[in-house]
Protein backbone atom coordinates (compact mmCIF):
# COMPACT_ATOMS: atom_id res chain seq x y z
CA UNK A 1 143.79 93.07 100.33
CA UNK A 2 143.77 92.78 103.93
CA UNK A 3 139.87 93.96 103.69
CA UNK A 4 139.36 91.35 101.18
CA UNK A 5 140.80 88.66 103.57
CA UNK A 6 138.73 89.73 106.67
CA UNK A 7 135.73 89.96 104.73
CA UNK A 8 135.98 86.47 103.50
CA UNK A 9 136.81 85.17 106.85
CA UNK A 10 133.44 86.96 108.54
CA UNK A 11 131.68 85.36 105.39
CA UNK A 12 132.70 82.10 106.24
CA UNK A 13 131.97 82.35 109.93
CA UNK A 14 128.83 83.90 109.17
CA UNK A 15 127.72 80.87 107.00
CA UNK A 16 129.40 78.25 109.32
CA UNK A 17 127.47 79.43 112.12
CA UNK A 18 124.01 79.93 110.36
CA UNK A 19 124.65 76.10 108.94
CA UNK A 20 124.86 74.77 112.37
CA UNK A 21 122.42 76.98 113.48
CA UNK A 22 119.82 75.44 110.76
CA UNK A 23 121.14 72.04 111.74
CA UNK A 24 120.21 72.69 115.27
CA UNK A 25 116.62 73.87 114.42
CA UNK A 26 116.14 70.88 112.15
CA UNK A 27 117.23 68.65 114.81
CA UNK A 28 115.17 70.08 117.38
CA UNK A 29 112.09 70.42 115.27
CA UNK A 30 112.69 66.56 114.68
CA UNK A 31 112.64 65.94 118.34
CA UNK A 32 108.82 68.10 118.75
CA UNK A 33 106.24 65.80 119.60
CA UNK A 34 105.02 62.69 121.21
CA UNK A 35 107.38 59.46 121.71
CA UNK A 36 106.58 55.96 123.38
CA UNK A 37 109.13 53.59 124.71
CA UNK A 38 110.39 50.83 123.20
CA UNK A 39 113.35 49.87 125.42
CA UNK A 40 114.94 50.83 128.17
CA UNK A 41 118.19 48.83 129.17
CA UNK A 42 121.31 50.07 131.13
CA UNK A 43 125.02 49.03 130.34
CA UNK A 44 127.89 48.67 132.82
CA UNK A 45 130.96 50.87 132.29
CA UNK A 46 133.36 47.91 133.31
CA UNK A 47 131.79 44.53 132.57
CA UNK A 48 129.16 45.85 129.28
CA UNK A 49 126.73 43.63 131.33
CA UNK A 50 123.29 44.57 129.98
CA UNK A 51 120.47 44.54 132.37
CA UNK A 52 116.85 46.26 131.81
CA UNK A 53 115.74 48.15 135.13
CA UNK A 54 112.19 48.45 134.06
CA UNK A 55 111.85 44.86 132.87
CA UNK A 56 111.79 43.69 129.12
CA UNK A 57 108.80 45.58 128.23
CA UNK A 58 108.85 48.99 129.91
CA UNK A 59 106.13 51.56 129.28
CA UNK A 60 107.05 55.10 128.89
CA UNK A 61 105.93 58.54 127.05
CA UNK A 62 108.38 61.22 126.17
CA UNK A 63 107.05 64.78 125.00
CA UNK A 64 108.63 67.28 123.50
CA UNK A 65 106.67 70.55 123.36
CA UNK A 66 107.48 73.47 120.54
CA UNK A 67 107.80 76.19 123.50
CA UNK A 68 110.93 74.14 124.61
CA UNK A 69 109.49 72.07 127.74
CA UNK A 70 110.10 67.96 127.95
CA UNK A 71 108.15 65.23 130.09
CA UNK A 72 109.34 62.03 130.37
CA UNK A 73 107.71 59.02 132.35
CA UNK A 74 108.79 55.55 132.81
CA UNK A 75 107.30 52.67 134.53
CA UNK A 76 107.62 48.76 134.96
CA UNK A 77 104.08 47.03 134.42
CA UNK A 78 102.83 44.81 136.41
CA UNK A 79 103.25 46.53 139.72
CA UNK A 80 100.83 45.21 142.75
CA UNK A 81 98.26 47.62 143.57
CA UNK A 82 98.20 49.06 147.08
CA UNK A 83 96.15 47.33 149.64
CA UNK A 84 94.53 50.24 150.85
CA UNK A 85 92.23 52.66 148.58
CA UNK A 86 93.02 55.76 150.14
CA UNK A 87 95.23 58.26 147.59
CA UNK A 88 98.59 58.55 148.12
CA UNK A 89 98.84 56.20 150.73
CA UNK A 90 100.31 52.60 150.89
CA UNK A 91 102.69 50.80 153.16
CA UNK A 92 106.43 51.78 153.25
CA UNK A 93 106.91 48.63 151.39
CA UNK A 94 104.18 49.43 148.71
CA UNK A 95 105.50 53.06 148.62
CA UNK A 96 109.09 51.81 147.90
CA UNK A 97 107.97 49.23 145.06
CA UNK A 98 106.36 51.93 143.41
CA UNK A 99 108.83 54.67 144.08
CA UNK A 100 111.26 51.76 142.24
CA UNK A 101 109.12 50.93 139.55
CA UNK A 102 108.30 54.85 138.10
CA UNK A 103 110.73 57.47 137.16
CA UNK A 104 109.07 60.63 135.80
CA UNK A 105 110.94 64.00 135.65
CA UNK A 106 110.26 67.47 133.29
CA UNK A 107 111.49 71.05 132.72
CA UNK A 108 113.05 72.57 129.89
CA UNK A 109 115.10 71.09 127.17
CA UNK A 110 117.79 72.39 124.77
CA UNK A 111 119.57 71.59 122.01
CA UNK A 112 122.99 73.40 122.33
CA UNK A 113 124.91 74.32 119.42
CA UNK A 114 127.71 72.24 117.97
CA UNK A 115 130.70 72.47 115.93
CA UNK A 116 129.38 69.20 114.44
CA UNK A 117 127.78 68.75 110.93
CA UNK A 118 126.15 65.40 111.86
CA UNK A 119 122.31 65.85 110.96
CA UNK A 120 120.95 63.21 112.88
CA UNK A 121 122.69 63.09 116.36
CA UNK A 122 122.83 65.94 118.43
CA UNK A 123 123.04 66.70 122.33
CA UNK A 124 119.83 67.29 124.23
CA UNK A 125 120.00 69.23 127.63
CA UNK A 126 117.16 68.28 130.21
CA UNK A 127 116.88 71.02 132.85
CA UNK A 128 114.90 69.16 135.69
CA UNK A 129 112.35 71.28 137.40
CA UNK A 130 110.30 68.50 138.83
CA UNK A 131 111.21 64.69 139.27
CA UNK A 132 109.74 61.84 141.18
CA UNK A 133 113.40 61.36 141.71
CA UNK A 134 114.32 64.52 144.09
CA UNK A 135 117.76 64.18 143.70
CA UNK A 136 117.41 65.31 139.98
CA UNK A 137 115.52 68.54 140.66
CA UNK A 138 117.64 71.51 139.63
CA UNK A 139 120.22 69.87 137.92
CA UNK A 140 121.19 69.44 134.22
CA UNK A 141 120.60 65.80 132.74
CA UNK A 142 122.54 65.58 129.22
CA UNK A 143 121.46 62.80 126.75
CA UNK A 144 123.14 62.02 123.49
CA UNK A 145 119.86 61.80 120.65
CA UNK A 146 119.83 60.17 117.61
CA UNK A 147 117.09 60.11 115.22
CA UNK A 148 116.39 57.64 112.26
CA UNK A 149 113.02 58.31 110.97
CA UNK A 150 110.52 57.81 113.86
CA UNK A 151 112.87 56.19 115.74
CA UNK A 152 114.69 58.35 118.84
CA UNK A 153 117.39 57.00 120.79
CA UNK A 154 118.76 58.32 123.55
CA UNK A 155 121.89 57.71 126.10
CA UNK A 156 122.97 59.16 128.75
CA UNK A 157 126.02 61.53 128.71
CA UNK A 158 127.27 60.82 131.77
CA UNK A 159 127.11 57.47 134.01
CA UNK A 160 124.47 57.13 136.63
CA UNK A 161 125.33 54.85 139.79
CA UNK A 162 122.67 51.89 139.64
CA UNK A 163 122.67 49.38 142.31
CA UNK A 164 126.22 50.49 143.24
CA UNK A 165 127.51 50.00 139.56
CA UNK A 166 128.43 52.89 136.96
CA UNK A 167 126.13 52.57 134.03
CA UNK A 168 124.75 54.12 130.84
CA UNK A 169 121.78 54.18 129.75
CA UNK A 170 119.95 53.74 126.46
CA UNK A 171 116.25 54.43 125.66
CA UNK A 172 114.97 53.84 122.43
CA UNK A 173 111.54 55.67 121.23
CA UNK A 174 109.21 55.65 118.83
CA UNK A 175 107.28 59.07 117.57
CA UNK A 176 103.38 58.69 117.87
CA UNK A 177 101.61 60.56 114.81
CA UNK A 178 100.35 63.76 115.51
CA UNK A 179 96.44 63.76 116.26
CA UNK A 180 94.04 65.93 114.39
């Protein structure tokens, strides 16, 4: 009697763990590929005011590799070119504007196991190894990811302070077709 109960509990545990792992694997496989940015907006936690920090038509690319690496780049189009032609140079003002209009980071990514059986929404962890914003280097950036067809919506789990205001970021991406 006790043995039968224990075996049933072990079976249920193994099945539920296996099911969660297969949902995680399925979600991870949907992430793999190249995504183009459609929208980047922020929302104030207090006032709910919406802003577009990279403009109304930002450009961006997000890549998740099968090997477990990711790279994200976002820019505000139309940034003025620097006056000089020397690579990696410019006036302090030109460099400051370039920094405010471009964000890039990359590193490893993981899709943690969750008790949820939700197929289309998961958390994604970005382990930042390099970044144009140096404060992110060595940190983990956790995102809520929702995939519906070829659309990926990412949002920050923890608020970011932008211009002194706590905000959440929401990014919408479209998956590009695989080149052969």
